[in-house]
Amino acid sequence: MLHLQQISSNGSSFIGLGMLGLVAAVIQHTRMLQRSEAPDYAYNAMRPITVTAAITLFMIGAFGVVGIFL
């Protein structure tokens, strides 16, 4: 039996994560632009926000699937 409350909750989680991901991407982009304008700029690889968002989305989806079908 599908739990409609769980489906609605997962939708809200995805929307919230998407909004937070966009804000984090804007902040990261702004910082990268500011750092690249410095005369002593040296590139340091950072963990991409997309990888973090993908892992979080996978976790939300996995918990959602388990929650819906249990």
PDB file of N, CA and C in Angstrom:
ATOM      1  N   MET A   1       0.841  -1.185   0.000  1.00  0.00           N
ATOM      2  CA  MET A   1       0.000   0.000   0.000  1.00  0.00           C
ATOM      3  C   MET A   1       0.888   1.250   0.000  1.00  0.00           C
ATOM      4  N   LEU A   2       0.626   2.163  -0.874  1.00  0.00           N
ATOM      5  CA  LEU A   2       1.411   3.387  -0.951  1.00  0.00           C
ATOM      6  C   LEU A   2       0.948   4.386   0.106  1.00  0.00           C
ATOM      7  N   HIS A   3       1.884   5.038   0.710  1.00  0.00           N
ATOM      8  CA  HIS A   3       1.587   6.047   1.721  1.00  0.00           C
ATOM      9  C   HIS A   3       1.698   7.421   1.072  1.00  0.00           C
ATOM     10  N   LEU A   4       0.574   8.099   0.870  1.00  0.00           N
ATOM     11  CA  LEU A   4       0.566   9.386   0.174  1.00  0.00           C
ATOM     12  C   LEU A   4       1.319  10.453   0.951  1.00  0.00           C
ATOM     13  N   GLN A   5       1.288  10.381   2.273  1.00  0.00           N
ATOM     14  CA  GLN A   5       2.019  11.353   3.098  1.00  0.00           C
ATOM     15  C   GLN A   5       3.518  11.269   2.807  1.00  0.00           C
ATOM     16  N   GLN A   6       4.033  10.048   2.672  1.00  0.00           N
ATOM     17  CA  GLN A   6       5.460   9.841   2.397  1.00  0.00           C
ATOM     18  C   GLN A   6       5.822  10.394   1.018  1.00  0.00           C
ATOM     19  N   ILE A   7       4.958  10.196   0.037  1.00  0.00           N
ATOM     20  CA  ILE A   7       5.224  10.703  -1.308  1.00  0.00           C
ATOM     21  C   ILE A   7       5.291  12.230  -1.287  1.00  0.00           C
ATOM     22  N   SER A   8       4.371  12.863  -0.591  1.00  0.00           N
ATOM     23  CA  SER A   8       4.364  14.317  -0.479  1.00  0.00           C
ATOM     24  C   SER A   8       5.608  14.824   0.238  1.00  0.00           C
ATOM     25  N   SER A   9       6.016  14.111   1.274  1.00  0.00           N
ATOM     26  CA  SER A   9       7.202  14.502   2.031  1.00  0.00           C
ATOM     27  C   SER A   9       8.459  14.410   1.169  1.00  0.00           C
ATOM     28  N   ASN A  10       8.545  13.360   0.345  1.00  0.00           N
ATOM     29  CA  ASN A  10       9.706  13.220  -0.538  1.00  0.00           C
ATOM     30  C   ASN A  10       9.752  14.337  -1.563  1.00  0.00           C
ATOM     31  N   GLY A  11       8.598  14.735  -2.084  1.00  0.00           N
ATOM     32  CA  GLY A  11       8.568  15.840  -3.041  1.00  0.00           C
ATOM     33  C   GLY A  11       9.089  17.122  -2.420  1.00  0.00           C
ATOM     34  N   SER A  12       8.681  17.387  -1.201  1.00  0.00           N
ATOM     35  CA  SER A  12       9.160  18.577  -0.492  1.00  0.00           C
ATOM     36  C   SER A  12      10.662  18.499  -0.243  1.00  0.00           C
ATOM     37  N   SER A  13      11.150  17.299   0.050  1.00  0.00           N
ATOM     38  CA  SER A  13      12.587  17.117   0.281  1.00  0.00           C
ATOM     39  C   SER A  13      13.381  17.426  -0.983  1.00  0.00           C
ATOM     40  N   PHE A  14      12.895  16.946  -2.118  1.00  0.00           N
ATOM     41  CA  PHE A  14      13.592  17.205  -3.379  1.00  0.00           C
ATOM     42  C   PHE A  14      13.587  18.689  -3.737  1.00  0.00           C
ATOM     43  N   ILE A  15      12.471  19.352  -3.521  1.00  0.00           N
ATOM     44  CA  ILE A  15      12.387  20.786  -3.805  1.00  0.00           C
ATOM     45  C   ILE A  15      13.329  21.562  -2.889  1.00  0.00           C
ATOM     46  N   GLY A  16      13.301  21.238  -1.608  1.00  0.00           N
ATOM     47  CA  GLY A  16      14.174  21.920  -0.643  1.00  0.00           C
ATOM     48  C   GLY A  16      15.647  21.703  -0.955  1.00  0.00           C
ATOM     49  N   LEU A  17      16.008  20.469  -1.287  1.00  0.00           N
ATOM     50  CA  LEU A  17      17.399  20.183  -1.627  1.00  0.00           C
ATOM     51  C   LEU A  17      17.818  20.921  -2.893  1.00  0.00           C
ATOM     52  N   GLY A  18      16.921  21.002  -3.863  1.00  0.00           N
ATOM     53  CA  GLY A  18      17.235  21.733  -5.093  1.00  0.00           C
ATOM     54  C   GLY A  18      17.481  23.207  -4.828  1.00  0.00           C
ATOM     55  N   MET A  19      16.650  23.797  -3.974  1.00  0.00           N
ATOM     56  CA  MET A  19      16.825  25.219  -3.641  1.00  0.00           C
ATOM     57  C   MET A  19      18.129  25.442  -2.883  1.00  0.00           C
ATOM     58  N   LEU A  20      18.428  24.582  -1.915  1.00  0.00           N
ATOM     59  CA  LEU A  20      19.687  24.719  -1.179  1.00  0.00           C
ATOM     60  C   LEU A  20      20.894  24.500  -2.088  1.00  0.00           C
ATOM     61  N   GLY A  21      20.761  23.567  -3.026  1.00  0.00           N
ATOM     62  CA  GLY A  21      21.846  23.320  -3.971  1.00  0.00           C
ATOM     63  C   GLY A  21      22.124  24.523  -4.856  1.00  0.00           C
ATOM     64  N   LEU A  22      21.065  25.187  -5.298  1.00  0.00           N
ATOM     65  CA  LEU A  22      21.255  26.388  -6.118  1.00  0.00           C
ATOM     66  C   LEU A  22      21.919  27.514  -5.331  1.00  0.00           C
ATOM     67  N   VAL A  23      21.495  27.708  -4.090  1.00  0.00           N
ATOM     68  CA  VAL A  23      22.115  28.745  -3.255  1.00  0.00           C
ATOM     69  C   VAL A  23      23.595  28.416  -3.025  1.00  0.00           C
ATOM     70  N   ALA A  24      23.891  27.156  -2.730  1.00  0.00           N
ATOM     71  CA  ALA A  24      25.285  26.756  -2.520  1.00  0.00           C
ATOM     72  C   ALA A  24      26.114  26.934  -3.788  1.00  0.00           C
ATOM     73  N   ALA A  25      25.529  26.643  -4.947  1.00  0.00           N
ATOM     74  CA  ALA A  25      26.248  26.815  -6.213  1.00  0.00           C
ATOM     75  C   ALA A  25      26.554  28.281  -6.489  1.00  0.00           C
ATOM     76  N   VAL A  26      25.610  29.159  -6.170  1.00  0.00           N
ATOM     77  CA  VAL A  26      25.834  30.599  -6.368  1.00  0.00           C
ATOM     78  C   VAL A  26      26.960  31.077  -5.449  1.00  0.00           C
ATOM     79  N   ILE A  27      26.930  30.648  -4.201  1.00  0.00           N
ATOM     80  CA  ILE A  27      27.982  31.042  -3.253  1.00  0.00           C
ATOM     81  C   ILE A  27      29.337  30.515  -3.709  1.00  0.00           C
ATOM     82  N   GLN A  28      29.393  29.241  -4.117  1.00  0.00           N
ATOM     83  CA  GLN A  28      30.649  28.662  -4.579  1.00  0.00           C
ATOM     84  C   GLN A  28      31.159  29.386  -5.826  1.00  0.00           C
ATOM     85  N   HIS A  29      30.286  29.703  -6.752  1.00  0.00           N
ATOM     86  CA  HIS A  29      30.682  30.399  -7.977  1.00  0.00           C
ATOM     87  C   HIS A  29      31.232  31.792  -7.659  1.00  0.00           C
ATOM     88  N   THR A  30      30.559  32.508  -6.766  1.00  0.00           N
ATOM     89  CA  THR A  30      31.010  33.852  -6.387  1.00  0.00           C
ATOM     90  C   THR A  30      32.399  33.795  -5.746  1.00  0.00           C
ATOM     91  N   ARG A  31      32.601  32.839  -4.868  1.00  0.00           N
ATOM     92  CA  ARG A  31      33.920  32.701  -4.218  1.00  0.00           C
ATOM     93  C   ARG A  31      35.006  32.350  -5.219  1.00  0.00           C
ATOM     94  N   MET A  32      34.674  31.482  -6.189  1.00  0.00           N
ATOM     95  CA  MET A  32      35.663  31.121  -7.206  1.00  0.00           C
ATOM     96  C   MET A  32      36.034  32.325  -8.058  1.00  0.00           C
ATOM     97  N   LEU A  33      35.055  33.154  -8.406  1.00  0.00           N
ATOM     98  CA  LEU A  33      35.351  34.356  -9.193  1.00  0.00           C
ATOM     99  C   LEU A  33      36.222  35.326  -8.409  1.00  0.00           C
ATOM    100  N   GLN A  34      35.923  35.496  -7.134  1.00  0.00           N
ATOM    101  CA  GLN A  34      36.728  36.401  -6.307  1.00  0.00           C
ATOM    102  C   GLN A  34      38.157  35.877  -6.166  1.00  0.00           C
ATOM    103  N   ARG A  35      38.304  34.575  -5.979  1.00  0.00           N
ATOM    104  CA  ARG A  35      39.644  34.001  -5.841  1.00  0.00           C
ATOM    105  C   ARG A  35      40.427  34.093  -7.141  1.00  0.00           C
ATOM    106  N   SER A  36      39.754  33.933  -8.281  1.00  0.00           N
ATOM    107  CA  SER A  36      40.463  33.942  -9.560  1.00  0.00           C
ATOM    108  C   SER A  36      40.967  35.335  -9.932  1.00  0.00           C
ATOM    109  N   GLU A  37      40.385  36.379  -9.335  1.00  0.00           N
ATOM    110  CA  GLU A  37      40.838  37.741  -9.612  1.00  0.00           C
ATOM    111  C   GLU A  37      42.059  38.130  -8.799  1.00  0.00           C
ATOM    112  N   ALA A  38      42.384  37.357  -7.793  1.00  0.00           N
ATOM    113  CA  ALA A  38      43.550  37.663  -6.953  1.00  0.00           C
ATOM    114  C   ALA A  38      44.836  37.405  -7.743  1.00  0.00           C
ATOM    115  N   PRO A  39      45.857  38.229  -7.525  1.00  0.00           N
ATOM    116  CA  PRO A  39      47.105  38.054  -8.288  1.00  0.00           C
ATOM    117  C   PRO A  39      47.838  36.753  -7.963  1.00  0.00           C
ATOM    118  N   ASP A  40      47.674  36.246  -6.764  1.00  0.00           N
ATOM    119  CA  ASP A  40      48.374  35.020  -6.376  1.00  0.00           C
ATOM    120  C   ASP A  40      47.436  33.810  -6.411  1.00  0.00           C
ATOM    121  N   TYR A  41      46.557  33.774  -7.398  1.00  0.00           N
ATOM    122  CA  TYR A  41      45.554  32.713  -7.496  1.00  0.00           C
ATOM    123  C   TYR A  41      46.212  31.375  -7.802  1.00  0.00           C
ATOM    124  N   ALA A  42      45.860  30.380  -7.020  1.00  0.00           N
ATOM    125  CA  ALA A  42      46.294  29.004  -7.271  1.00  0.00           C
ATOM    126  C   ALA A  42      45.049  28.119  -7.186  1.00  0.00           C
ATOM    127  N   TYR A  43      44.831  27.339  -8.213  1.00  0.00           N
ATOM    128  CA  TYR A  43      43.633  26.511  -8.256  1.00  0.00           C
ATOM    129  C   TYR A  43      43.725  25.371  -7.252  1.00  0.00           C
ATOM    130  N   ASN A  44      42.702  25.236  -6.429  1.00  0.00           N
ATOM    131  CA  ASN A  44      42.572  24.113  -5.506  1.00  0.00           C
ATOM    132  C   ASN A  44      41.266  23.412  -5.826  1.00  0.00           C
ATOM    133  N   ALA A  45      41.343  22.127  -6.112  1.00  0.00           N
ATOM    134  CA  ALA A  45      40.135  21.375  -6.441  1.00  0.00           C
ATOM    135  C   ALA A  45      39.257  21.242  -5.204  1.00  0.00           C
ATOM    136  N   MET A  46      37.983  21.561  -5.378  1.00  0.00           N
ATOM    137  CA  MET A  46      37.016  21.421  -4.296  1.00  0.00           C
ATOM    138  C   MET A  46      36.068  20.282  -4.630  1.00  0.00           C
ATOM    139  N   ARG A  47      35.395  19.796  -3.618  1.00  0.00           N
ATOM    140  CA  ARG A  47      34.372  18.782  -3.867  1.00  0.00           C
ATOM    141  C   ARG A  47      33.205  19.462  -4.577  1.00  0.00           C
ATOM    142  N   PRO A  48      32.850  18.981  -5.753  1.00  0.00           N
ATOM    143  CA  PRO A  48      31.758  19.618  -6.484  1.00  0.00           C
ATOM    144  C   PRO A  48      30.424  19.492  -5.740  1.00  0.00           C
ATOM    145  N   ILE A  49      29.639  20.542  -5.804  1.00  0.00           N
ATOM    146  CA  ILE A  49      28.330  20.542  -5.168  1.00  0.00           C
ATOM    147  C   ILE A  49      27.438  19.498  -5.841  1.00  0.00           C
ATOM    148  N   THR A  50      27.649  19.242  -7.120  1.00  0.00           N
ATOM    149  CA  THR A  50      26.808  18.279  -7.817  1.00  0.00           C
ATOM    150  C   THR A  50      26.950  16.875  -7.248  1.00  0.00           C
ATOM    151  N   VAL A  51      28.161  16.497  -6.855  1.00  0.00           N
ATOM    152  CA  VAL A  51      28.368  15.171  -6.265  1.00  0.00           C
ATOM    153  C   VAL A  51      27.653  15.080  -4.924  1.00  0.00           C
ATOM    154  N   THR A  52      27.781  16.103  -4.114  1.00  0.00           N
ATOM    155  CA  THR A  52      27.108  16.124  -2.816  1.00  0.00           C
ATOM    156  C   THR A  52      25.590  16.075  -2.993  1.00  0.00           C
ATOM    157  N   ALA A  53      25.067  16.850  -3.934  1.00  0.00           N
ATOM    158  CA  ALA A  53      23.624  16.851  -4.182  1.00  0.00           C
ATOM    159  C   ALA A  53      23.159  15.500  -4.706  1.00  0.00           C
ATOM    160  N   ALA A  54      23.937  14.880  -5.585  1.00  0.00           N
ATOM    161  CA  ALA A  54      23.553  13.577  -6.126  1.00  0.00           C
ATOM    162  C   ALA A  54      23.517  12.513  -5.032  1.00  0.00           C
ATOM    163  N   ILE A  55      24.489  12.530  -4.148  1.00  0.00           N
ATOM    164  CA  ILE A  55      24.499  11.561  -3.043  1.00  0.00           C
ATOM    165  C   ILE A  55      23.304  11.791  -2.125  1.00  0.00           C
ATOM    166  N   THR A  56      23.010  13.042  -1.824  1.00  0.00           N
ATOM    167  CA  THR A  56      21.875  13.354  -0.955  1.00  0.00           C
ATOM    168  C   THR A  56      20.559  12.965  -1.614  1.00  0.00           C
ATOM    169  N   LEU A  57      20.414  13.244  -2.906  1.00  0.00           N
ATOM    170  CA  LEU A  57      19.202  12.849  -3.622  1.00  0.00           C
ATOM    171  C   LEU A  57      19.030  11.333  -3.633  1.00  0.00           C
ATOM    172  N   PHE A  58      20.117  10.618  -3.809  1.00  0.00           N
ATOM    173  CA  PHE A  58      20.049   9.161  -3.780  1.00  0.00           C
ATOM    174  C   PHE A  58      19.584   8.662  -2.417  1.00  0.00           C
ATOM    175  N   MET A  59      20.119   9.261  -1.359  1.00  0.00           N
ATOM    176  CA  MET A  59      19.735   8.847  -0.002  1.00  0.00           C
ATOM    177  C   MET A  59      18.255   9.140   0.248  1.00  0.00           C
ATOM    178  N   ILE A  60      17.783  10.313  -0.149  1.00  0.00           N
ATOM    179  CA  ILE A  60      16.365  10.650   0.026  1.00  0.00           C
ATOM    180  C   ILE A  60      15.494   9.685  -0.763  1.00  0.00           C
ATOM    181  N   GLY A  61      15.877   9.398  -1.982  1.00  0.00           N
ATOM    182  CA  GLY A  61      15.110   8.467  -2.804  1.00  0.00           C
ATOM    183  C   GLY A  61      15.096   7.053  -2.230  1.00  0.00           C
ATOM    184  N   ALA A  62      16.241   6.593  -1.745  1.00  0.00           N
ATOM    185  CA  ALA A  62      16.315   5.250  -1.164  1.00  0.00           C
ATOM    186  C   ALA A  62      15.438   5.146   0.079  1.00  0.00           C
ATOM    187  N   PHE A  63      15.522   6.128   0.965  1.00  0.00           N
ATOM    188  CA  PHE A  63      14.673   6.108   2.159  1.00  0.00           C
ATOM    189  C   PHE A  63      13.200   6.234   1.775  1.00  0.00           C
ATOM    190  N   GLY A  64      12.915   7.013   0.750  1.00  0.00           N
ATOM    191  CA  GLY A  64      11.538   7.171   0.302  1.00  0.00           C
ATOM    192  C   GLY A  64      10.957   5.878  -0.241  1.00  0.00           C
ATOM    193  N   VAL A  65      11.727   5.171  -1.041  1.00  0.00           N
ATOM    194  CA  VAL A  65      11.249   3.901  -1.604  1.00  0.00           C
ATOM    195  C   VAL A  65      10.998   2.894  -0.488  1.00  0.00           C
ATOM    196  N   VAL A  66      11.914   2.814   0.452  1.00  0.00           N
ATOM    197  CA  VAL A  66      11.741   1.899   1.585  1.00  0.00           C
ATOM    198  C   VAL A  66      10.519   2.309   2.405  1.00  0.00           C
ATOM    199  N   GLY A  67      10.362   3.616   2.645  1.00  0.00           N
ATOM    200  CA  GLY A  67       9.234   4.103   3.435  1.00  0.00           C
ATOM    201  C   GLY A  67       7.897   3.907   2.769  1.00  0.00           C
ATOM    202  N   ILE A  68       7.849   4.002   1.451  1.00  0.00           N
ATOM    203  CA  ILE A  68       6.579   3.856   0.732  1.00  0.00           C
ATOM    204  C   ILE A  68       6.112   2.403   0.743  1.00  0.00           C
ATOM    205  N   PHE A  69       7.024   1.494   0.536  1.00  0.00           N
ATOM    206  CA  PHE A  69       6.627   0.102   0.377  1.00  0.00           C
ATOM    207  C   PHE A  69       6.628  -0.705   1.673  1.00  0.00           C
ATOM    208  N   LEU A  70       6.972  -0.115   2.775  1.00  0.00           N
ATOM    209  CA  LEU A  70       6.914  -0.838   4.057  1.00  0.00           C
ATOM    210  C   LEU A  70       5.662  -0.546   4.809  1.00  0.00           C
TER     211      LEU A  70
END
